[in-house]
Amino acid sequence: MAQPKVLLTRRWPEAIEARLGEVFDLTVSRDDLPLDAEQLKAALRDYDAVLPTVTDRLSAPIFDLTNPRTKILGNFGVGFSHIDLTAASACGIAVTNTPDVLSECTADLAMTLLLMVARRAGEGERELRNGKWTGWRPTHMIGKKVSGATLGIVGFGRIGQAMARRAHFGFGMKIVVQNIPAVAPEILAEFGAEQVDSIDELLPRCDFVSLHCPGGTENHHLIDARRLGLMKPDGCLINTARGEVIDQQALAQALWFGTIGGAGLDVFEGEPDIPYALLGADSLVMLPHLGSATRETRDAMGLRVMENLVAFFEGREPRDRVN
């Protein structure tokens, strides 16, 4: 029986590419650039499986095909709002993701951003690199204390809980959560967490707010100008979820006018383009989508995709199917 023909839309860790090549008839996009709409449509016509990433926008028109050859999309990542699941299902294409394996490293990065924003680490490094530091002084670059502060977590799944574990047990932070559906009491008890019914209730109570909710249409601009206005004047917003959950123009305005204390972003709407207003905001820390960027995690993500593909082509249900 011929090996299924599989396309990697971006370069993956070398060891994972080698493993995939042993099992499948593998093609790798050597340019390592996002595929455009026509390239994605061609891929669905020519390959049994396509393995996309967040940079591949598989919107409904991409699936406007008669009898596509592709039967499964093995997404390299936990989020899948860049894939129109309804359109994929209508074409008979299964979609899988990679949960579990990136939770710890993404939470590590969210905590990194929180600490950097609180202690103004980005501003401090820029001052040093630009040769503007004049030495220690009592009033220089005063930041915000993290230990014992209140952290609000929007979205209390695997990553949100991993963030709570770091914040509560590492820094003694009080945890307030909002999640749909409601979180089980025994899970809340693990972190001494309090659950509130709405984001509007959570925001004014928290010194820091960390977003760990899904992206997509449902949560588009979940944090908008009105909700930014509900935050404490010195409150800080952290986002390692998806860029589209924040209205970036509203955030830029809040940072420039100082109506919130700061923000830390690892994800952006319309990546890799960053609005000029964000680039110039001193109280903003930005990272280039590094949440899962450790060797161990990226390898584990690739192996999880491979596990789903093997199951699918052997006629078994992939463990991480999302449609």
Protein backbone atom coordinates (compact mmCIF):
# COMPACT_ATOMS: atom_id res chain seq x y z
CA MET A 1 0.00 0.00 0.00
CA ALA A 2 1.38 3.42 -0.98
CA GLN A 3 2.37 5.78 1.79
CA PRO A 4 -0.04 8.71 2.29
CA LYS A 5 1.23 11.87 0.64
CA VAL A 6 1.75 14.56 3.29
CA LEU A 7 2.68 18.26 3.08
CA LEU A 8 4.39 20.29 5.79
CA THR A 9 3.52 23.94 5.14
CA ARG A 10 6.46 25.18 7.26
CA ARG A 11 9.78 23.74 8.45
CA TRP A 12 9.46 21.61 11.59
CA PRO A 13 12.22 20.42 13.96
CA GLU A 14 14.66 18.30 11.96
CA ALA A 15 14.14 15.17 14.04
CA ILE A 16 10.37 15.31 13.55
CA GLU A 17 10.68 15.86 9.81
CA ALA A 18 12.88 12.75 9.70
CA ARG A 19 10.33 10.69 11.65
CA LEU A 20 7.49 11.81 9.40
CA GLY A 21 9.57 10.96 6.33
CA GLU A 22 9.94 7.39 7.55
CA VAL A 23 6.17 6.86 7.72
CA PHE A 24 4.76 9.10 4.98
CA ASP A 25 5.57 10.31 1.48
CA LEU A 26 6.61 13.69 2.86
CA THR A 27 6.97 17.04 1.11
CA VAL A 28 8.33 20.01 3.09
CA SER A 29 7.79 23.62 2.04
CA ARG A 30 11.45 24.63 2.01
CA ASP A 31 10.69 28.34 1.64
CA ASP A 32 9.34 28.27 5.22
CA LEU A 33 6.86 31.05 4.41
CA PRO A 34 3.07 31.12 4.88
CA LEU A 35 1.20 29.57 1.96
CA ASP A 36 -1.20 31.85 0.11
CA ALA A 37 -4.78 30.95 -0.77
CA GLU A 38 -3.96 29.39 -4.15
CA GLN A 39 -1.12 27.34 -2.70
CA LEU A 40 -3.39 26.06 0.07
CA LYS A 41 -6.11 25.10 -2.41
CA ALA A 42 -3.53 23.29 -4.53
CA ALA A 43 -2.32 21.45 -1.43
CA LEU A 44 -5.85 20.23 -0.67
CA ARG A 45 -6.09 18.92 -4.23
CA ASP A 46 -2.69 17.19 -4.27
CA TYR A 47 -2.02 15.72 -0.80
CA ASP A 48 -3.70 13.16 1.43
CA ALA A 49 -2.83 15.22 4.50
CA VAL A 50 -1.78 18.83 5.00
CA LEU A 51 -0.04 19.87 8.23
CA PRO A 52 -0.66 23.61 8.67
CA THR A 53 0.35 26.13 11.33
CA VAL A 54 -1.24 29.30 12.67
CA THR A 55 0.26 31.21 9.73
CA ASP A 56 -1.88 29.27 7.21
CA ARG A 57 -5.29 30.95 6.91
CA LEU A 58 -7.64 28.16 5.87
CA SER A 59 -10.81 30.23 5.46
CA ALA A 60 -14.03 28.94 3.87
CA PRO A 61 -13.11 29.82 0.25
CA ILE A 62 -10.02 27.59 0.49
CA PHE A 63 -12.33 24.59 0.85
CA ASP A 64 -14.40 25.49 -2.23
CA LEU A 65 -13.26 22.33 -4.00
CA THR A 66 -14.91 19.27 -5.50
CA ASN A 67 -13.63 16.05 -3.93
CA PRO A 68 -10.35 17.34 -2.44
CA ARG A 69 -7.68 14.69 -2.01
CA THR A 70 -6.88 15.87 1.52
CA LYS A 71 -8.74 13.96 4.22
CA ILE A 72 -7.05 15.36 7.33
CA LEU A 73 -5.44 18.61 8.47
CA GLY A 74 -2.94 17.92 11.24
CA ASN A 75 -2.59 21.37 12.80
CA PHE A 76 0.74 22.13 14.47
CA GLY A 77 -0.60 23.97 17.51
CA VAL A 78 -3.42 23.90 20.02
CA GLY A 79 -5.36 26.85 18.56
CA PHE A 80 -7.29 26.32 15.34
CA SER A 81 -9.23 29.56 14.78
CA HIS A 82 -7.27 29.99 11.51
CA ILE A 83 -9.14 26.96 10.11
CA ASP A 84 -12.82 27.14 9.14
CA LEU A 85 -13.97 23.94 10.79
CA THR A 86 -17.44 24.07 9.26
CA ALA A 87 -16.05 24.32 5.73
CA ALA A 88 -13.51 21.58 6.44
CA SER A 89 -16.23 19.25 7.73
CA ALA A 90 -18.40 19.97 4.70
CA CYS A 91 -15.52 18.73 2.53
CA GLY A 92 -15.10 15.61 4.63
CA ILE A 93 -11.76 16.80 6.03
CA ALA A 94 -10.88 15.96 9.63
CA VAL A 95 -8.93 18.51 11.70
CA THR A 96 -6.69 17.74 14.67
CA ASN A 97 -4.64 19.90 17.02
CA THR A 98 -1.91 19.43 19.64
CA PRO A 99 -3.29 20.00 23.17
CA ASP A 100 -1.53 19.19 26.45
CA VAL A 101 2.04 19.28 25.21
CA LEU A 102 2.52 23.06 25.10
CA SER A 103 0.66 24.08 28.26
CA GLU A 104 3.66 24.31 30.57
CA CYS A 105 5.91 26.28 28.25
CA THR A 106 3.14 28.68 27.26
CA ALA A 107 2.40 29.31 30.93
CA ASP A 108 6.12 29.88 31.53
CA LEU A 109 6.08 32.57 28.86
CA ALA A 110 2.91 34.19 30.20
CA MET A 111 4.59 34.44 33.61
CA THR A 112 7.70 35.86 31.93
CA LEU A 113 5.62 38.60 30.31
CA LEU A 114 3.84 39.35 33.58
CA LEU A 115 7.12 39.79 35.42
CA MET A 116 8.64 41.86 32.63
CA VAL A 117 5.67 44.23 32.54
CA ALA A 118 5.45 44.50 36.32
CA ARG A 119 9.14 45.30 36.76
CA ARG A 120 9.47 47.34 33.55
CA ALA A 121 12.16 45.00 32.24
CA GLY A 122 11.66 45.95 28.59
CA GLU A 123 12.03 49.64 29.36
CA GLY A 124 15.10 48.97 31.47
CA GLU A 125 16.85 46.95 28.80
CA ARG A 126 16.15 49.60 26.16
CA GLU A 127 17.59 52.25 28.45
CA LEU A 128 20.78 50.28 28.90
CA ARG A 129 21.19 49.36 25.24
CA ASN A 130 20.64 52.98 24.22
CA GLY A 131 23.33 54.17 26.65
CA LYS A 132 20.87 56.30 28.64
CA TRP A 133 21.30 54.81 32.12
CA THR A 134 22.80 57.35 34.50
CA GLY A 135 23.06 55.01 37.49
CA TRP A 136 20.97 53.85 40.44
CA ARG A 137 18.58 56.28 42.08
CA PRO A 138 15.66 55.79 44.51
CA THR A 139 12.96 56.95 42.10
CA HIS A 140 14.23 55.24 38.97
CA MET A 141 11.85 53.02 36.98
CA ILE A 142 9.54 52.07 39.83
CA GLY A 143 7.52 48.99 38.96
CA LYS A 144 4.65 46.98 40.42
CA LYS A 145 4.95 44.26 43.06
CA VAL A 146 3.91 40.80 41.89
CA SER A 147 4.05 38.72 45.06
CA GLY A 148 0.69 38.71 46.80
CA ALA A 149 -1.07 40.59 43.99
CA THR A 150 -4.35 39.46 42.43
CA LEU A 151 -4.23 37.70 39.07
CA GLY A 152 -7.31 37.36 36.90
CA ILE A 153 -7.28 34.48 34.43
CA VAL A 154 -9.71 34.50 31.50
CA GLY A 155 -9.98 30.93 30.23
CA PHE A 156 -9.16 28.27 32.82
CA GLY A 157 -8.21 25.30 30.68
CA ARG A 158 -4.86 23.53 30.75
CA ILE A 159 -2.76 26.63 30.11
CA GLY A 160 -4.80 28.85 32.42
CA GLN A 161 -4.42 26.31 35.22
CA ALA A 162 -0.67 26.02 34.56
CA MET A 163 -0.45 29.82 34.85
CA ALA A 164 -2.41 29.74 38.11
CA ARG A 165 -0.04 27.12 39.52
CA ARG A 166 2.98 29.33 38.85
CA ALA A 167 1.35 32.49 40.12
CA HIS A 168 -0.26 31.06 43.26
CA PHE A 169 2.42 28.68 44.48
CA GLY A 170 5.40 30.62 43.14
CA PHE A 171 4.37 34.18 43.99
CA GLY A 172 1.54 33.82 46.46
CA MET A 173 -0.87 35.51 44.07
CA LYS A 174 -4.62 35.47 44.65
CA ILE A 175 -6.39 33.87 41.67
CA VAL A 176 -9.70 35.01 40.20
CA VAL A 177 -10.99 33.13 37.15
CA GLN A 178 -13.67 33.44 34.50
CA ASN A 179 -14.40 30.51 32.24
CA ILE A 180 -17.19 29.11 30.08
CA PRO A 181 -18.33 26.56 31.17
CA ALA A 182 -17.96 27.01 34.92
CA VAL A 183 -14.91 25.40 36.50
CA ALA A 184 -15.42 22.49 38.90
CA PRO A 185 -15.04 23.47 42.58
CA GLU A 186 -12.31 20.89 43.18
CA ILE A 187 -10.16 22.45 40.44
CA LEU A 188 -10.64 25.94 41.87
CA ALA A 189 -9.75 24.64 45.34
CA GLU A 190 -6.39 23.40 44.07
CA PHE A 191 -5.30 27.00 43.52
CA GLY A 192 -7.43 28.69 46.16
CA ALA A 193 -9.13 30.36 43.21
CA GLU A 194 -12.38 32.31 43.14
CA GLN A 195 -14.66 32.07 40.14
CA VAL A 196 -16.68 35.02 38.83
CA ASP A 197 -19.51 35.01 36.33
CA SER A 198 -18.20 37.57 33.86
CA ILE A 199 -15.09 39.28 32.54
CA ASP A 200 -16.64 42.61 33.53
CA GLU A 201 -16.70 41.42 37.13
CA LEU A 202 -13.14 40.12 36.98
CA LEU A 203 -11.33 43.10 35.44
CA PRO A 204 -11.74 45.77 38.16
CA ARG A 205 -10.64 43.38 40.88
CA CYS A 206 -7.30 42.32 39.43
CA ASP A 207 -3.80 43.78 39.41
CA PHE A 208 -2.89 41.55 36.47
CA VAL A 209 -5.12 39.89 33.87
CA SER A 210 -3.85 36.97 31.77
CA LEU A 211 -5.79 35.76 28.73
CA HIS A 212 -5.90 32.01 28.01
CA CYS A 213 -9.18 31.77 26.09
CA PRO A 214 -9.72 30.49 22.52
CA GLY A 215 -9.56 32.86 19.58
CA GLY A 216 -11.92 32.94 16.62
CA THR A 217 -15.07 34.87 15.84
CA GLU A 218 -16.69 34.21 19.21
CA ASN A 219 -13.91 35.96 21.12
CA HIS A 220 -12.93 38.57 18.53
CA HIS A 221 -11.97 41.77 20.42
CA LEU A 222 -13.13 40.24 23.68
CA ILE A 223 -11.00 42.89 25.36
CA ASP A 224 -12.13 46.15 23.79
CA ALA A 225 -12.04 49.82 24.82
CA ARG A 226 -14.94 49.42 27.23
CA ARG A 227 -13.37 46.48 29.03
CA LEU A 228 -9.95 48.10 29.14
CA GLY A 229 -11.72 50.95 30.91
CA LEU A 230 -12.85 48.51 33.61
CA MET A 231 -9.26 47.60 34.55
CA LYS A 232 -7.43 49.19 37.46
CA PRO A 233 -5.44 52.31 36.42
CA ASP A 234 -2.22 50.43 37.18
CA GLY A 235 -3.54 47.04 35.99
CA CYS A 236 -1.52 45.01 33.49
CA LEU A 237 -2.86 42.84 30.66
CA ILE A 238 -1.07 39.70 29.41
CA ASN A 239 -1.96 37.81 26.23
CA THR A 240 -0.49 34.48 25.13
CA ALA A 241 -3.80 33.22 23.66
CA ARG A 242 -4.63 34.64 20.20
CA GLY A 243 -4.05 38.13 18.91
CA GLU A 244 -7.62 38.71 17.83
CA VAL A 245 -8.99 38.56 21.39
CA ILE A 246 -7.69 42.13 21.98
CA ASP A 247 -8.67 45.27 20.10
CA GLN A 248 -5.11 46.44 19.44
CA GLN A 249 -6.05 50.03 18.63
CA ALA A 250 -7.98 50.31 21.89
CA LEU A 251 -5.04 48.77 23.76
CA ALA A 252 -2.59 51.20 22.16
CA GLN A 253 -4.78 54.13 23.20
CA ALA A 254 -5.02 52.80 26.78
CA LEU A 255 -1.23 52.45 26.96
CA TRP A 256 -0.48 55.86 25.44
CA PHE A 257 -2.94 57.66 27.72
CA GLY A 258 -1.91 55.63 30.76
CA THR A 259 -5.40 54.36 31.58
CA ILE A 260 -3.86 50.95 32.33
CA GLY A 261 -0.43 50.24 33.77
CA GLY A 262 1.02 48.10 31.00
CA ALA A 263 0.68 45.03 28.81
CA GLY A 264 2.64 42.01 27.63
CA LEU A 265 1.82 40.42 24.28
CA ASP A 266 3.16 37.27 22.64
CA VAL A 267 0.46 37.19 19.96
CA PHE A 268 -0.96 39.82 17.63
CA GLU A 269 -3.88 40.29 15.29
CA GLY A 270 -2.64 40.13 11.70
CA GLU A 271 0.78 38.70 12.55
CA PRO A 272 3.52 39.51 11.69
CA ASP A 273 2.35 43.11 11.18
CA ILE A 274 2.38 45.21 14.37
CA PRO A 275 0.58 48.58 14.51
CA TYR A 276 2.93 51.53 14.86
CA ALA A 277 1.01 52.74 17.90
CA LEU A 278 1.90 49.52 19.75
CA LEU A 279 5.54 49.62 18.70
CA GLY A 280 5.98 53.00 20.35
CA ALA A 281 4.28 52.17 23.66
CA ASP A 282 6.94 52.07 26.39
CA SER A 283 4.76 50.20 28.87
CA LEU A 284 4.25 47.33 26.43
CA VAL A 285 6.45 44.21 26.32
CA MET A 286 6.28 42.31 23.02
CA LEU A 287 7.57 38.88 22.04
CA PRO A 288 7.33 37.23 18.59
CA HIS A 289 4.87 34.38 19.32
CA LEU A 290 7.28 32.33 21.44
CA GLY A 291 4.77 30.59 23.72
CA SER A 292 5.65 27.04 22.66
CA ALA A 293 9.16 27.83 21.45
CA THR A 294 11.25 25.30 23.33
CA ARG A 295 12.88 22.33 21.66
CA GLU A 296 11.08 19.87 23.90
CA THR A 297 7.67 21.36 23.23
CA ARG A 298 8.03 21.79 19.48
CA ASP A 299 9.24 18.19 19.20
CA ALA A 300 6.28 17.01 21.29
CA MET A 301 3.86 19.00 19.12
CA GLY A 302 5.23 17.37 15.99
CA LEU A 303 5.00 13.89 17.49
CA ARG A 304 1.40 14.58 18.54
CA VAL A 305 0.50 15.52 14.96
CA MET A 306 2.20 12.35 13.75
CA GLU A 307 0.28 10.25 16.27
CA ASN A 308 -3.00 11.71 15.01
CA LEU A 309 -2.08 11.07 11.38
CA VAL A 310 -1.03 7.47 11.99
CA ALA A 311 -4.29 6.77 13.79
CA PHE A 312 -6.34 8.37 11.01
CA PHE A 313 -4.70 6.46 8.18
CA GLU A 314 -4.98 3.21 10.13
CA GLY A 315 -8.74 3.77 10.34
CA ARG A 316 -8.80 4.78 14.01
CA GLU A 317 -10.22 8.00 15.47
CA PRO A 318 -7.44 10.56 16.09
CA ARG A 319 -7.30 11.44 19.79
CA ASP A 320 -7.18 15.19 19.10
CA ARG A 321 -9.87 15.61 16.45
CA VAL A 322 -11.66 18.98 16.82
CA ASN A 323 -14.40 18.76 14.13
